[in-house]
Amino acid sequence: MNTARLDKFLWAARIFKTRSIAAAACKKGQVAIGGVQMKPSRMVKVGDVVDVRKPPITYSFRVLQAIEHRVGAKLIPEILENVTPPEQYELLEMNRISGFVGRARGTGRPTKKDRRALDDFDAQTGDIPIFFSDFDFDLDDDEE
């Protein structure tokens, strides 16, 4: 077989865990051939260099065999060649050393910094919630 669908190849070559994840990555523009973003249905052929962006780095693979059926991990060196530039791996190492966790703001468990910010906010507002401070009435239950 000289050609294969891009999404099937990425799945068969074990770059993505499922074909649907591979197709979604193509649709999001995370997969390119020759610097041009590709659709999942694009046919890849032997010799193509496929760039896959998995933040923080972009991996590059040269197609040695265009396959559409998943193979064992030991056979991957016969299917594709990793041609990712060393600068990309240095970028990955720098990201790992920095200790930054790519957690989107507002998701997951709050960090110590988040907790301190909440404590500071609570200390500034005092006993009266901030959204009630603009009104001109007592919050006490003392009716006179």
N, C-alpha and C. Protein backbone atom coordinates (compact mmCIF):
# COMPACT_ATOMS: atom_id res chain seq x y z
N MET A 1 0.86 -1.18 0.00
CA MET A 1 0.00 0.00 0.00
C MET A 1 0.90 1.24 0.00
N ASN A 2 0.70 2.11 -0.97
CA ASN A 2 1.56 3.29 -1.11
C ASN A 2 1.03 4.51 -0.38
N THR A 3 -0.29 4.54 -0.13
CA THR A 3 -0.87 5.69 0.54
C THR A 3 -1.81 5.23 1.65
N ALA A 4 -2.07 6.14 2.58
CA ALA A 4 -2.99 5.85 3.68
C ALA A 4 -3.62 7.16 4.12
N ARG A 5 -4.83 7.08 4.66
CA ARG A 5 -5.47 8.27 5.22
C ARG A 5 -4.64 8.77 6.38
N LEU A 6 -4.54 10.08 6.52
CA LEU A 6 -3.71 10.69 7.56
C LEU A 6 -4.16 10.27 8.96
N ASP A 7 -5.47 10.34 9.24
CA ASP A 7 -5.93 9.98 10.59
C ASP A 7 -5.68 8.51 10.89
N LYS A 8 -5.87 7.64 9.89
CA LYS A 8 -5.61 6.21 10.11
C LYS A 8 -4.11 5.96 10.32
N PHE A 9 -3.28 6.66 9.56
CA PHE A 9 -1.84 6.48 9.72
C PHE A 9 -1.37 6.92 11.10
N LEU A 10 -1.85 8.08 11.56
CA LEU A 10 -1.43 8.58 12.88
C LEU A 10 -1.86 7.62 13.98
N TRP A 11 -3.01 6.99 13.82
CA TRP A 11 -3.47 6.00 14.80
C TRP A 11 -2.66 4.71 14.67
N ALA A 12 -2.47 4.24 13.44
CA ALA A 12 -1.76 2.97 13.20
C ALA A 12 -0.29 3.07 13.64
N ALA A 13 0.31 4.25 13.51
CA ALA A 13 1.71 4.43 13.88
C ALA A 13 1.86 4.78 15.36
N ARG A 14 0.76 4.71 16.11
CA ARG A 14 0.75 4.92 17.56
C ARG A 14 1.14 6.34 17.98
N ILE A 15 0.87 7.32 17.13
CA ILE A 15 1.11 8.71 17.50
C ILE A 15 -0.05 9.21 18.35
N PHE A 16 -1.27 8.72 18.02
CA PHE A 16 -2.46 9.01 18.82
C PHE A 16 -3.09 7.71 19.27
N LYS A 17 -3.75 7.75 20.42
CA LYS A 17 -4.32 6.54 21.02
C LYS A 17 -5.52 6.01 20.24
N THR A 18 -6.35 6.91 19.72
CA THR A 18 -7.50 6.48 18.93
C THR A 18 -7.55 7.26 17.62
N ARG A 19 -8.28 6.70 16.68
CA ARG A 19 -8.41 7.37 15.38
C ARG A 19 -9.22 8.65 15.52
N SER A 20 -10.21 8.66 16.40
CA SER A 20 -11.02 9.87 16.56
C SER A 20 -10.19 11.01 17.16
N ILE A 21 -9.27 10.70 18.06
CA ILE A 21 -8.37 11.73 18.60
C ILE A 21 -7.46 12.25 17.49
N ALA A 22 -6.98 11.36 16.62
CA ALA A 22 -6.14 11.76 15.50
C ALA A 22 -6.91 12.67 14.54
N ALA A 23 -8.17 12.33 14.25
CA ALA A 23 -8.99 13.14 13.36
C ALA A 23 -9.27 14.51 13.98
N ALA A 24 -9.54 14.53 15.28
CA ALA A 24 -9.79 15.80 15.97
C ALA A 24 -8.55 16.69 15.93
N ALA A 25 -7.37 16.10 16.11
CA ALA A 25 -6.12 16.88 16.06
C ALA A 25 -5.93 17.48 14.66
N CYS A 26 -6.27 16.73 13.64
CA CYS A 26 -6.17 17.25 12.27
C CYS A 26 -7.12 18.42 12.08
N LYS A 27 -8.36 18.27 12.57
CA LYS A 27 -9.36 19.32 12.41
C LYS A 27 -8.99 20.59 13.19
N LYS A 28 -8.27 20.43 14.31
CA LYS A 28 -7.85 21.58 15.11
C LYS A 28 -6.61 22.26 14.54
N GLY A 29 -6.02 21.68 13.52
CA GLY A 29 -4.84 22.28 12.91
C GLY A 29 -3.54 21.89 13.60
N GLN A 30 -3.54 20.79 14.34
CA GLN A 30 -2.34 20.36 15.05
C GLN A 30 -1.47 19.43 14.22
N VAL A 31 -1.92 19.07 13.02
CA VAL A 31 -1.17 18.16 12.15
C VAL A 31 -0.91 18.87 10.82
N ALA A 32 0.34 18.83 10.39
CA ALA A 32 0.71 19.49 9.13
C ALA A 32 1.66 18.60 8.34
N ILE A 33 1.60 18.77 7.04
CA ILE A 33 2.56 18.10 6.14
C ILE A 33 3.17 19.20 5.29
N GLY A 34 4.47 19.33 5.38
CA GLY A 34 5.15 20.39 4.63
C GLY A 34 4.74 21.79 5.06
N GLY A 35 4.40 21.95 6.34
CA GLY A 35 4.02 23.24 6.87
C GLY A 35 2.58 23.64 6.59
N VAL A 36 1.81 22.78 5.95
CA VAL A 36 0.42 23.08 5.62
C VAL A 36 -0.49 22.18 6.45
N GLN A 37 -1.47 22.79 7.12
CA GLN A 37 -2.40 22.01 7.94
C GLN A 37 -3.22 21.10 7.04
N MET A 38 -3.46 19.88 7.53
CA MET A 38 -4.14 18.88 6.71
C MET A 38 -5.42 18.40 7.34
N LYS A 39 -6.35 17.96 6.48
CA LYS A 39 -7.59 17.34 6.92
C LYS A 39 -7.31 15.87 7.21
N PRO A 40 -8.17 15.23 8.01
CA PRO A 40 -7.96 13.81 8.34
C PRO A 40 -7.99 12.90 7.11
N SER A 41 -8.70 13.32 6.06
CA SER A 41 -8.84 12.46 4.89
C SER A 41 -7.67 12.56 3.91
N ARG A 42 -6.73 13.43 4.18
CA ARG A 42 -5.56 13.60 3.30
C ARG A 42 -4.77 12.31 3.25
N MET A 43 -4.33 11.93 2.07
CA MET A 43 -3.56 10.70 1.90
C MET A 43 -2.08 11.01 2.11
N VAL A 44 -1.43 10.20 2.95
CA VAL A 44 0.01 10.34 3.15
C VAL A 44 0.71 9.28 2.32
N LYS A 45 1.91 9.60 1.89
CA LYS A 45 2.68 8.63 1.10
C LYS A 45 4.09 8.53 1.68
N VAL A 46 4.81 7.54 1.27
CA VAL A 46 6.17 7.31 1.75
C VAL A 46 7.02 8.53 1.42
N GLY A 47 7.76 9.00 2.42
CA GLY A 47 8.63 10.16 2.24
C GLY A 47 8.06 11.45 2.79
N ASP A 48 6.74 11.49 3.05
CA ASP A 48 6.14 12.70 3.63
C ASP A 48 6.67 12.92 5.04
N VAL A 49 6.84 14.19 5.42
CA VAL A 49 7.22 14.54 6.78
C VAL A 49 5.99 15.14 7.45
N VAL A 50 5.51 14.43 8.48
CA VAL A 50 4.30 14.83 9.19
C VAL A 50 4.71 15.54 10.47
N ASP A 51 4.20 16.76 10.67
CA ASP A 51 4.46 17.52 11.89
C ASP A 51 3.22 17.43 12.78
N VAL A 52 3.42 16.99 14.02
CA VAL A 52 2.33 16.85 14.97
C VAL A 52 2.63 17.75 16.16
N ARG A 53 1.74 18.73 16.40
CA ARG A 53 1.93 19.67 17.51
C ARG A 53 1.21 19.13 18.74
N LYS A 54 2.00 18.74 19.73
CA LYS A 54 1.49 18.34 21.04
C LYS A 54 2.19 19.27 22.02
N PRO A 55 1.49 20.34 22.41
CA PRO A 55 2.15 21.36 23.22
C PRO A 55 2.90 20.76 24.39
N PRO A 56 4.08 21.26 24.68
CA PRO A 56 4.70 22.48 24.19
C PRO A 56 5.57 22.31 22.95
N ILE A 57 5.66 21.10 22.37
CA ILE A 57 6.58 20.94 21.24
C ILE A 57 5.87 20.39 20.02
N THR A 58 6.58 20.44 18.88
CA THR A 58 6.07 19.89 17.62
C THR A 58 6.98 18.75 17.22
N TYR A 59 6.39 17.57 17.13
CA TYR A 59 7.13 16.38 16.71
C TYR A 59 7.09 16.29 15.19
N SER A 60 8.17 15.77 14.58
CA SER A 60 8.23 15.57 13.14
C SER A 60 8.58 14.12 12.86
N PHE A 61 7.83 13.52 11.93
CA PHE A 61 8.04 12.11 11.59
C PHE A 61 8.10 11.98 10.07
N ARG A 62 9.05 11.18 9.58
CA ARG A 62 9.12 10.86 8.15
C ARG A 62 8.46 9.51 7.95
N VAL A 63 7.55 9.43 6.99
CA VAL A 63 6.80 8.21 6.71
C VAL A 63 7.69 7.25 5.94
N LEU A 64 7.90 6.04 6.49
CA LEU A 64 8.68 5.00 5.81
C LEU A 64 7.74 3.99 5.15
N GLN A 65 6.60 3.74 5.77
CA GLN A 65 5.56 2.89 5.20
C GLN A 65 4.22 3.52 5.51
N ALA A 66 3.37 3.62 4.51
CA ALA A 66 2.03 4.17 4.72
C ALA A 66 1.11 3.01 5.08
N ILE A 67 0.74 2.92 6.35
CA ILE A 67 -0.10 1.82 6.82
C ILE A 67 -1.42 2.36 7.37
N GLU A 68 -2.45 1.50 7.36
CA GLU A 68 -3.74 1.87 7.92
C GLU A 68 -4.17 0.90 9.02
N HIS A 69 -3.38 -0.12 9.28
CA HIS A 69 -3.71 -1.08 10.34
C HIS A 69 -2.67 -0.97 11.44
N ARG A 70 -3.13 -0.90 12.67
CA ARG A 70 -2.26 -0.68 13.82
C ARG A 70 -1.26 -1.83 13.96
N VAL A 71 -0.03 -1.46 14.28
CA VAL A 71 1.03 -2.47 14.45
C VAL A 71 1.56 -2.40 15.87
N GLY A 72 2.32 -3.40 16.26
CA GLY A 72 2.92 -3.44 17.58
C GLY A 72 3.98 -2.35 17.72
N ALA A 73 4.24 -1.98 18.96
CA ALA A 73 5.18 -0.90 19.24
C ALA A 73 6.59 -1.23 18.74
N LYS A 74 6.96 -2.51 18.72
CA LYS A 74 8.30 -2.88 18.26
C LYS A 74 8.50 -2.64 16.77
N LEU A 75 7.42 -2.57 16.01
CA LEU A 75 7.52 -2.39 14.56
C LEU A 75 7.50 -0.92 14.12
N ILE A 76 7.31 -0.01 15.06
CA ILE A 76 7.21 1.41 14.73
C ILE A 76 8.46 1.94 14.00
N PRO A 77 9.69 1.55 14.36
CA PRO A 77 10.85 2.06 13.61
C PRO A 77 10.83 1.71 12.12
N GLU A 78 10.09 0.67 11.73
CA GLU A 78 9.96 0.31 10.31
C GLU A 78 8.90 1.15 9.62
N ILE A 79 8.01 1.77 10.40
CA ILE A 79 6.88 2.53 9.86
C ILE A 79 7.22 4.00 9.70
N LEU A 80 7.88 4.59 10.70
CA LEU A 80 8.20 6.01 10.64
C LEU A 80 9.54 6.28 11.29
N GLU A 81 10.12 7.41 10.91
CA GLU A 81 11.41 7.85 11.45
C GLU A 81 11.19 9.18 12.16
N ASN A 82 11.66 9.27 13.39
CA ASN A 82 11.51 10.50 14.16
C ASN A 82 12.59 11.48 13.71
N VAL A 83 12.15 12.60 13.11
CA VAL A 83 13.09 13.62 12.64
C VAL A 83 12.86 14.94 13.39
N THR A 84 12.38 14.85 14.62
CA THR A 84 12.13 16.03 15.43
C THR A 84 13.46 16.72 15.73
N PRO A 85 13.57 18.04 15.49
CA PRO A 85 14.82 18.75 15.77
C PRO A 85 15.15 18.73 17.26
N PRO A 86 16.44 18.71 17.61
CA PRO A 86 16.84 18.68 19.03
C PRO A 86 16.35 19.90 19.81
N GLU A 87 16.14 21.05 19.14
CA GLU A 87 15.67 22.24 19.84
C GLU A 87 14.30 21.99 20.48
N GLN A 88 13.48 21.17 19.83
CA GLN A 88 12.15 20.88 20.37
C GLN A 88 12.27 20.09 21.68
N TYR A 89 13.18 19.16 21.72
CA TYR A 89 13.38 18.38 22.95
C TYR A 89 13.98 19.25 24.05
N GLU A 90 14.84 20.21 23.67
CA GLU A 90 15.37 21.15 24.66
C GLU A 90 14.25 22.00 25.24
N LEU A 91 13.32 22.41 24.39
CA LEU A 91 12.16 23.17 24.84
C LEU A 91 11.32 22.35 25.81
N LEU A 92 11.15 21.08 25.52
CA LEU A 92 10.40 20.19 26.40
C LEU A 92 11.10 20.05 27.74
N GLU A 93 12.42 19.91 27.72
CA GLU A 93 13.19 19.78 28.95
C GLU A 93 13.13 21.06 29.78
N MET A 94 13.22 22.22 29.12
CA MET A 94 13.12 23.49 29.83
C MET A 94 11.75 23.64 30.48
N ASN A 95 10.72 23.21 29.78
CA ASN A 95 9.37 23.28 30.33
C ASN A 95 9.24 22.36 31.54
N ARG A 96 9.87 21.20 31.47
CA ARG A 96 9.82 20.25 32.58
C ARG A 96 10.59 20.78 33.79
N ILE A 97 11.73 21.41 33.55
CA ILE A 97 12.56 21.95 34.63
C ILE A 97 11.87 23.12 35.32
N SER A 98 11.15 23.94 34.53
CA SER A 98 10.52 25.12 35.11
C SER A 98 9.47 24.76 36.15
N GLY A 99 8.92 23.56 36.06
CA GLY A 99 7.95 23.12 37.05
C GLY A 99 6.57 23.68 36.83
N PHE A 100 6.37 24.43 35.75
CA PHE A 100 5.05 24.99 35.48
C PHE A 100 4.11 23.87 35.06
N VAL A 101 2.94 23.85 35.68
CA VAL A 101 1.93 22.88 35.32
C VAL A 101 0.91 23.61 34.46
N GLY A 102 0.65 23.09 33.29
CA GLY A 102 -0.25 23.75 32.35
C GLY A 102 -1.72 23.56 32.71
N ARG A 103 -2.11 23.95 33.90
CA ARG A 103 -3.50 23.82 34.33
C ARG A 103 -4.24 25.09 33.94
N ALA A 104 -5.36 24.91 33.28
CA ALA A 104 -6.17 26.07 32.91
C ALA A 104 -6.73 26.72 34.17
N ARG A 105 -6.76 28.03 34.17
CA ARG A 105 -7.24 28.77 35.33
C ARG A 105 -8.68 28.41 35.63
N GLY A 106 -8.96 28.12 36.89
CA GLY A 106 -10.31 27.80 37.30
C GLY A 106 -10.66 26.32 37.23
N THR A 107 -9.71 25.50 36.80
CA THR A 107 -9.98 24.07 36.74
C THR A 107 -9.09 23.34 37.72
N GLY A 108 -9.56 22.23 38.20
CA GLY A 108 -8.76 21.42 39.11
C GLY A 108 -8.73 21.99 40.52
N ARG A 109 -7.90 21.42 41.32
CA ARG A 109 -7.79 21.81 42.71
C ARG A 109 -7.06 23.15 42.82
N PRO A 110 -7.54 24.06 43.67
CA PRO A 110 -6.85 25.36 43.81
C PRO A 110 -5.44 25.19 44.38
N THR A 111 -4.54 26.02 43.92
CA THR A 111 -3.17 26.00 44.41
C THR A 111 -3.07 26.82 45.69
N LYS A 112 -1.90 26.79 46.32
CA LYS A 112 -1.68 27.61 47.51
C LYS A 112 -1.84 29.09 47.16
N LYS A 113 -1.36 29.47 45.99
CA LYS A 113 -1.47 30.86 45.56
C LYS A 113 -2.95 31.26 45.43
N ASP A 114 -3.76 30.37 44.87
CA ASP A 114 -5.20 30.64 44.76
C ASP A 114 -5.82 30.80 46.14
N ARG A 115 -5.45 29.93 47.07
CA ARG A 115 -6.01 30.00 48.42
C ARG A 115 -5.63 31.30 49.11
N ARG A 116 -4.38 31.72 48.95
CA ARG A 116 -3.95 32.99 49.55
C ARG A 116 -4.70 34.17 48.95
N ALA A 117 -4.94 34.12 47.66
CA ALA A 117 -5.70 35.19 47.02
C ALA A 117 -7.12 35.25 47.57
N LEU A 118 -7.73 34.09 47.80
CA LEU A 118 -9.07 34.05 48.40
C LEU A 118 -9.06 34.59 49.82
N ASP A 119 -8.03 34.21 50.58
CA ASP A 119 -7.91 34.71 51.96
C ASP A 119 -7.75 36.23 51.98
N ASP A 120 -6.93 36.77 51.08
CA ASP A 120 -6.75 38.22 51.00
C ASP A 120 -8.06 38.91 50.62
N PHE A 121 -8.78 38.32 49.70
CA PHE A 121 -10.06 38.89 49.28
C PHE A 121 -11.05 38.90 50.45
N ASP A 122 -11.09 37.80 51.20
CA ASP A 122 -11.99 37.69 52.34
C ASP A 122 -11.61 38.70 53.42
N ALA A 123 -10.31 38.91 53.63
CA ALA A 123 -9.85 39.85 54.65
C ALA A 123 -10.21 41.29 54.27
N GLN A 124 -10.20 41.61 53.00
CA GLN A 124 -10.51 42.96 52.54
C GLN A 124 -11.99 43.28 52.70
N THR A 125 -12.85 42.30 52.48
CA THR A 125 -14.29 42.57 52.52
C THR A 125 -14.84 42.58 53.93
N GLY A 126 -14.17 41.92 54.87
CA GLY A 126 -14.65 41.90 56.25
C GLY A 126 -15.86 41.01 56.42
N ASP A 127 -16.77 41.40 57.34
CA ASP A 127 -17.93 40.57 57.62
C ASP A 127 -19.04 40.76 56.59
N ILE A 128 -19.12 41.93 55.99
CA ILE A 128 -20.20 42.21 55.05
C ILE A 128 -19.76 41.78 53.66
N PRO A 129 -20.55 40.96 53.02
CA PRO A 129 -20.19 40.58 51.65
C PRO A 129 -20.10 41.82 50.77
N ILE A 130 -19.18 41.81 49.84
CA ILE A 130 -18.88 42.99 49.04
C ILE A 130 -20.09 43.45 48.22
N PHE A 131 -20.95 42.52 47.79
CA PHE A 131 -22.07 42.93 46.96
C PHE A 131 -23.17 43.61 47.76
N PHE A 132 -23.15 43.53 49.11
CA PHE A 132 -24.12 44.24 49.93
C PHE A 132 -23.61 45.59 50.42
N SER A 133 -22.35 45.87 50.26
CA SER A 133 -21.78 47.09 50.82
C SER A 133 -22.28 48.35 50.12
N ASP A 134 -22.85 48.24 48.94
CA ASP A 134 -23.34 49.40 48.21
C ASP A 134 -24.73 49.84 48.66
N PHE A 135 -25.43 49.00 49.39
CA PHE A 135 -26.80 49.31 49.79
C PHE A 135 -26.82 50.01 51.14
N ASP A 136 -27.88 50.74 51.40
CA ASP A 136 -27.98 51.56 52.59
C ASP A 136 -28.97 50.96 53.58
N PHE A 137 -28.69 49.75 54.03
CA PHE A 137 -29.55 49.14 55.04
C PHE A 137 -28.70 48.26 55.94
N ASP A 138 -29.24 47.98 57.11
CA ASP A 138 -28.54 47.14 58.08
C ASP A 138 -28.80 45.68 57.76
N LEU A 139 -27.79 44.88 57.91
CA LEU A 139 -27.95 43.45 57.73
C LEU A 139 -28.31 42.76 59.03
N ASP A 140 -28.30 43.52 60.14
CA ASP A 140 -28.63 42.93 61.44
C ASP A 140 -30.13 42.64 61.49
N ASP A 141 -30.49 41.67 62.28
CA ASP A 141 -31.90 41.31 62.43
C ASP A 141 -32.60 42.14 63.50
N ASP A 142 -31.95 43.19 64.00
CA ASP A 142 -32.54 44.04 65.04
C ASP A 142 -33.55 44.97 64.39
N GLU A 143 -34.80 44.70 64.65
CA GLU A 143 -35.84 45.56 64.10
C GLU A 143 -36.27 46.54 65.17
N GLU A 144 -36.27 47.80 64.87
CA GLU A 144 -36.62 48.81 65.87
C GLU A 144 -37.94 49.44 65.59
